[in-house]
Protein backbone atom coordinates (compact mmCIF):
# COMPACT_ATOMS: atom_id res chain seq x y z
CA MET A 1 0.00 0.00 0.00
CA ALA A 2 1.65 3.25 -1.16
CA LEU A 3 1.70 5.87 1.57
CA PRO A 4 0.83 9.45 0.55
CA PRO A 5 2.54 12.72 1.49
CA VAL A 6 1.30 14.06 4.82
CA ALA A 7 1.41 17.27 6.83
CA ILE A 8 1.86 17.14 10.59
CA VAL A 9 0.21 19.95 12.54
CA MET A 10 1.48 20.36 16.09
CA ARG A 11 0.18 22.72 18.77
CA SER A 12 2.29 23.80 21.73
CA LYS A 13 2.46 26.00 24.78
CA ASN A 14 5.20 25.72 27.40
CA ASP A 15 6.11 22.13 26.54
CA ALA A 16 9.89 22.49 26.68
CA ASP A 17 10.24 19.44 28.92
CA ARG A 18 8.53 17.17 26.35
CA ILE A 19 8.58 18.66 22.88
CA GLY A 20 12.25 17.96 22.16
CA HIS A 21 11.67 14.22 22.60
CA THR A 22 8.53 14.39 20.48
CA LEU A 23 10.25 16.23 17.65
CA ALA A 24 13.17 13.80 17.67
CA ALA A 25 10.75 10.88 17.44
CA VAL A 26 8.88 12.54 14.55
CA ARG A 27 12.10 13.17 12.62
CA SER A 28 13.13 9.52 13.05
CA GLN A 29 9.97 8.08 11.50
CA ASP A 30 10.34 5.44 8.82
CA TYR A 31 7.96 7.03 6.32
CA PRO A 32 8.60 6.74 2.55
CA ALA A 33 6.70 9.82 1.36
CA PRO A 34 7.29 13.55 2.03
CA VAL A 35 6.31 14.87 5.47
CA ARG A 36 5.77 18.56 6.19
CA ARG A 37 5.73 19.93 9.74
CA ILE A 38 3.59 22.90 10.72
CA HIS A 39 3.87 24.21 14.30
CA ILE A 40 1.52 26.61 16.03
CA ASP A 41 2.63 27.94 19.42
CA SER A 42 0.34 29.99 21.62
CA GLY A 43 2.67 32.12 23.72
CA SER A 44 5.29 29.79 25.19
CA THR A 45 7.76 31.42 27.59
CA ASP A 46 9.83 28.39 28.65
CA GLY A 47 12.06 27.81 25.62
CA THR A 48 9.57 25.77 23.58
CA CYS A 49 9.82 28.16 20.61
CA ARG A 50 13.61 27.88 20.50
CA ILE A 51 13.39 24.08 20.44
CA ILE A 52 10.85 24.19 17.61
CA GLU A 53 12.94 26.63 15.56
CA GLU A 54 16.07 24.53 15.99
CA SER A 55 14.18 21.47 14.69
CA GLY A 56 13.73 23.14 11.29
CA PRO A 57 9.93 23.17 10.83
CA ASP A 58 8.46 23.86 7.40
CA GLU A 59 6.23 26.51 8.92
CA PHE A 60 6.17 28.03 12.41
CA ILE A 61 3.26 30.21 13.50
CA GLN A 62 3.16 32.06 16.81
CA ILE A 63 -0.04 33.47 18.27
CA ARG A 64 -0.88 35.22 21.53
CA PRO A 65 -2.29 33.08 24.36
CA GLU A 66 -5.61 34.92 24.25
CA GLU A 67 -5.98 34.03 20.57
CA TYR A 68 -5.95 30.30 21.27
CA VAL A 69 -9.19 28.45 20.61
CA PRO A 70 -8.66 24.75 19.76
CA GLY A 71 -10.85 24.54 16.66
CA ARG A 72 -9.59 27.84 15.30
CA VAL A 73 -5.97 26.73 15.62
CA LEU A 74 -6.69 23.33 14.08
CA ASN A 75 -8.36 25.04 11.12
CA MET A 76 -5.48 27.51 10.89
CA GLY A 77 -2.95 24.70 10.55
CA THR A 78 -5.08 22.63 8.18
CA LYS A 79 -5.63 25.56 5.80
CA ARG A 80 -1.87 25.61 5.24
CA THR A 81 -1.80 22.03 3.97
CA SER A 82 -2.30 20.54 0.51
CA GLU A 83 -1.59 16.90 1.41
CA PRO A 84 -4.39 14.30 1.26
CA TRP A 85 -3.93 13.48 4.96
CA ILE A 86 -3.31 15.87 7.85
CA VAL A 87 -1.80 14.44 11.03
CA PHE A 88 -2.42 16.10 14.39
CA LEU A 89 0.06 15.42 17.15
CA ASN A 90 0.16 17.04 20.58
CA SER A 91 3.61 18.39 21.35
CA ASP A 92 3.74 16.23 24.50
CA ALA A 93 2.55 13.04 22.75
CA THR A 94 5.79 11.22 21.91
CA PRO A 95 5.82 8.42 19.31
CA VAL A 96 7.30 5.27 20.87
CA ASP A 97 8.82 3.85 17.68
CA ARG A 98 9.68 4.61 14.04
CA ASN A 99 6.39 3.21 12.71
CA TRP A 100 3.95 5.53 14.48
CA LEU A 101 3.22 7.64 11.40
CA ALA A 102 3.11 4.85 8.82
CA ASN A 103 0.78 2.75 10.97
CA LEU A 104 -1.50 5.72 11.58
CA VAL A 105 -1.89 6.62 7.91
CA ARG A 106 -2.05 3.01 6.76
CA ALA A 107 -5.04 2.40 9.06
CA GLY A 108 -6.89 5.25 7.37
CA LEU A 109 -6.09 4.04 3.89
CA SER A 110 -7.45 0.59 4.71
CA HIS A 111 -10.99 1.99 5.15
CA PRO A 112 -12.43 3.76 2.06
CA ARG A 113 -14.83 5.89 4.12
CA ALA A 114 -12.35 6.76 6.88
CA GLY A 115 -12.55 10.45 7.65
CA ALA A 116 -10.30 10.28 10.69
CA VAL A 117 -7.94 7.88 12.45
CA TYR A 118 -6.73 7.96 16.03
CA GLY A 119 -3.81 6.06 17.49
CA ARG A 120 -3.13 4.30 20.75
CA GLN A 121 -1.89 6.26 23.77
CA VAL A 122 0.04 4.79 26.68
CA PRO A 123 0.67 6.69 29.92
CA ARG A 124 4.09 7.89 31.00
CA PRO A 125 5.82 6.00 33.83
CA ASP A 126 5.03 8.78 36.32
CA CYS A 127 1.30 8.80 35.52
CA SER A 128 -1.02 8.71 38.55
CA ALA A 129 -3.05 5.52 38.88
CA VAL A 130 -6.41 7.20 38.27
CA TYR A 131 -5.28 8.62 34.93
CA ALA A 132 -3.39 5.46 33.96
CA HIS A 133 -6.67 3.60 34.55
CA ASP A 134 -8.40 5.92 32.08
CA TYR A 135 -5.77 5.22 29.42
CA ASP A 136 -6.25 1.51 30.02
CA ARG A 137 -10.01 1.85 29.62
CA CYS A 138 -9.64 3.85 26.41
CA PHE A 139 -6.62 2.21 24.75
CA GLY A 140 -5.67 -0.94 26.66
CA PRO A 141 -5.82 -4.54 25.40
CA ALA A 142 -9.33 -5.01 26.84
CA ARG A 143 -10.37 -1.40 26.21
CA GLU A 144 -13.89 -0.48 27.19
CA SER A 145 -14.03 2.22 24.51
CA LYS A 146 -14.70 -0.33 21.76
CA ASP A 147 -18.16 -0.84 23.28
CA TRP A 148 -18.93 2.86 23.76
CA LEU A 149 -21.26 4.59 21.33
CA HIS A 150 -18.47 6.98 20.42
CA PHE A 151 -14.80 7.61 21.20
CA PHE A 152 -12.08 9.69 19.54
CA SER A 153 -8.91 11.50 20.56
CA MET A 154 -7.16 14.21 18.56
CA ALA A 155 -3.84 13.93 20.48
CA SER A 156 -2.42 11.50 17.91
CA SER A 157 -4.67 11.37 14.88
CA ALA A 158 -4.97 11.79 11.13
CA VAL A 159 -7.73 13.46 9.15
CA LYS A 160 -8.55 13.05 5.47
CA SER A 161 -8.32 16.49 3.90
CA ILE A 162 -11.54 16.17 1.89
CA CYS A 163 -13.38 15.25 5.09
CA TRP A 164 -12.08 18.37 6.82
CA ALA A 165 -12.95 20.52 3.78
CA GLN A 166 -16.56 19.38 4.11
CA GLN A 167 -16.64 19.57 7.90
CA PRO A 168 -14.12 22.02 9.40
CA PHE A 169 -13.71 22.32 13.17
CA ARG A 170 -16.02 24.56 15.14
CA GLU A 171 -14.24 27.67 16.36
CA ASP A 172 -16.50 28.57 19.28
CA LEU A 173 -15.67 25.65 21.62
CA ARG A 174 -12.83 25.70 24.13
CA TYR A 175 -13.27 22.05 25.11
CA SER A 176 -14.38 18.82 23.41
CA GLU A 177 -13.89 20.23 19.92
CA ASP A 178 -12.53 16.85 18.78
CA ASP A 179 -15.51 14.98 20.22
CA GLU A 180 -18.00 17.33 18.57
CA TRP A 181 -16.20 17.22 15.23
CA SER A 182 -15.80 13.44 15.13
CA ARG A 183 -19.46 12.90 16.00
CA ARG A 184 -20.44 15.33 13.25
CA ILE A 185 -18.41 13.63 10.51
CA LYS A 186 -19.94 10.28 11.44
CA GLU A 187 -23.37 11.83 11.00
CA HIS A 188 -22.26 12.79 7.47
CA GLY A 189 -21.24 9.24 6.54
CA TRP A 190 -17.55 9.18 7.44
CA GLU A 191 -15.94 6.48 9.59
CA ILE A 192 -13.62 6.77 12.60
CA VAL A 193 -10.79 4.21 12.61
CA TYR A 194 -8.62 3.08 15.51
CA ALA A 195 -4.95 2.48 14.68
CA GLU A 196 -3.87 0.23 17.54
CA ASP A 197 -0.30 -0.18 16.23
CA SER A 198 0.32 3.57 16.06
CA VAL A 199 1.47 4.36 19.60
CA VAL A 200 2.44 7.52 21.47
CA MET A 201 3.33 8.09 25.12
CA HIS A 202 1.04 10.77 26.52
CA SER A 203 -0.46 11.55 29.92
CA HIS A 204 -1.11 14.37 32.39
CA ASN A 205 -1.20 14.38 36.18
CA TYR A 206 -3.95 16.94 36.71
CA THR A 207 -4.56 18.46 40.11
CA ILE A 208 -8.08 18.47 41.58
CA PRO A 209 -8.72 22.13 40.59
CA GLU A 210 -7.43 21.39 37.08
CA VAL A 211 -9.73 18.37 36.85
CA ARG A 212 -12.76 20.33 37.92
CA ARG A 213 -11.96 23.19 35.50
CA ARG A 214 -11.39 20.83 32.59
CA PHE A 215 -14.60 18.89 33.13
CA TYR A 216 -16.55 22.09 33.70
CA GLY A 217 -15.44 23.12 30.20
CA GLU A 218 -16.48 19.75 28.79
CA GLY A 219 -19.90 20.16 30.38
CA VAL A 220 -20.33 23.58 28.79
CA ALA A 221 -19.27 22.12 25.44
CA ASP A 222 -21.77 19.28 25.84
CA ALA A 223 -24.57 21.80 26.25
CA ALA A 224 -23.28 23.89 23.33
CA ASN A 225 -23.19 20.81 21.09
CA LEU A 226 -26.96 20.53 21.55
CA SER A 227 -26.65 16.86 22.42
CA SER A 228 -29.69 14.85 23.45
CA ARG A 229 -28.68 15.10 27.11
CA THR A 230 -30.83 17.20 29.42
CA PRO A 231 -30.36 18.55 32.96
CA ARG A 232 -32.24 15.48 34.15
CA ASP A 233 -29.31 13.34 32.95
CA TYR A 234 -27.03 15.33 35.24
CA GLY A 235 -28.98 14.91 38.47
CA PHE A 236 -26.70 15.30 41.47
CA LEU A 237 -27.58 12.02 43.19
CA ARG A 238 -27.47 9.81 40.10
CA TYR A 239 -24.73 11.48 38.08
CA VAL A 240 -22.35 12.74 40.77
CA VAL A 241 -22.88 10.58 43.86
CA LEU A 242 -23.89 7.16 42.54
CA ALA A 243 -21.95 7.20 39.26
CA GLY A 244 -18.94 8.76 41.00
CA LEU A 245 -19.02 5.97 43.56
CA ARG A 246 -19.16 3.39 40.78
CA ASP A 247 -16.10 4.96 39.15
CA ALA A 248 -14.24 4.99 42.45
CA VAL A 249 -14.97 1.30 43.03
CA LYS A 250 -13.52 0.46 39.61
CA ASP A 251 -10.43 2.50 40.49
CA LEU A 252 -10.13 0.58 43.75
CA GLY A 253 -9.90 -2.70 41.83
CA TYR A 254 -7.38 -1.22 39.41
CA CYS A 255 -5.17 0.14 42.20
CA ALA A 256 -5.39 -3.08 44.23
CA ALA A 257 -4.39 -5.23 41.26
CA ARG A 258 -1.29 -3.11 40.69
CA GLY A 259 -0.18 -2.58 44.27
CA ARG A 260 -1.09 1.13 44.19
CA LEU A 261 -3.74 1.29 46.90
CA THR A 262 -2.19 4.38 48.49
CA GLU A 263 -3.27 6.30 45.37
CA TRP A 264 -6.93 5.36 45.66
CA PRO A 265 -8.11 8.25 47.90
CA PHE A 266 -6.82 10.71 45.31
CA ALA A 267 -8.50 8.67 42.56
CA ALA A 268 -11.84 8.88 44.37
CA ALA A 269 -11.45 12.65 44.77
CA VAL A 270 -10.72 12.96 41.05
CA ARG A 271 -13.84 10.99 40.07
CA PHE A 272 -16.20 13.10 42.15
CA SER A 273 -14.49 16.31 40.94
CA GLN A 274 -14.86 15.20 37.32
CA ARG A 275 -18.55 14.57 37.66
CA ALA A 276 -19.31 17.61 39.81
CA GLY A 277 -17.39 19.82 37.38
CA LYS A 278 -19.09 18.44 34.29
CA ARG A 279 -22.54 18.71 35.87
CA SER A 280 -21.92 22.33 36.82
CA GLY A 281 -20.59 23.16 33.36
CA PHE A 282 -23.52 21.49 31.61
CA LEU A 283 -26.10 23.35 33.68
CA ASP A 284 -24.34 26.67 33.07
CA GLY A 285 -24.00 25.80 29.39
CA CYS A 286 -27.72 25.16 29.11
CA LYS A 287 -28.40 28.68 30.40
CA ARG A 288 -26.01 30.08 27.81
CA TYR A 289 -26.80 28.00 24.73
CA ARG A 290 -30.28 26.55 25.12
CA LYS A 291 -33.63 28.26 25.10
CA PRO A 292 -35.94 27.56 28.05
CA ALA A 293 -38.48 24.84 27.35
């Protein structure tokens, strides 16, 4: 299967501790066709820009932090491409081998109606148990995500250019832009493909305030997406207390099986913060984006 030319669009902000490793891994890829690299940085102050410049990108765009909106930046990078496939890679998502790119694109080519492909992500060695559990659920050998109605991650992904031309990213969402976009292309007849053999190392150890803020944003985005969910689906007892408890019990089993029980109290706090944050964001989003019944 002949592999086509691709463009890699990378976003960054203050990733100096990771981006050098990611760029080195990208440059070492065993890929037979031309690869262009487009970088968009949103106000780094830690040396990230110097590392990018020294890597010799084909195009380097710098914007102010206040200009950053995920969908707008993704569209900005994609508009500068002419290749049939556009690859999106987070600056802190490091390919683990030389076949990451070829395996990602090859998975898309194997499905005629593939509009987007996403690769496997494995957590870094220092990843907290609660977040490592999430990566296992989404990308592990017995991943739960294969049975979910929908799952997609933009962190290591490829998009067919004609799919993007028909369905560009929304530029009014600050969270969940990849979820909204991937659901939308499926509604228009495109397929989402999982490239299990295309692997990057990627994880974050969010603090409790960061968790709550992130999930608040996802809740707002859920309301803005005009999904079928209603405030009734986010009832405090059912959604926060009971479902949060169910999540925490699953984390208990995960931690116990791996000898990481001391991390379980933090895991439980994360689960309740996730759900409380998303509920609050959804309810506020409904006030902002939805008309009263």
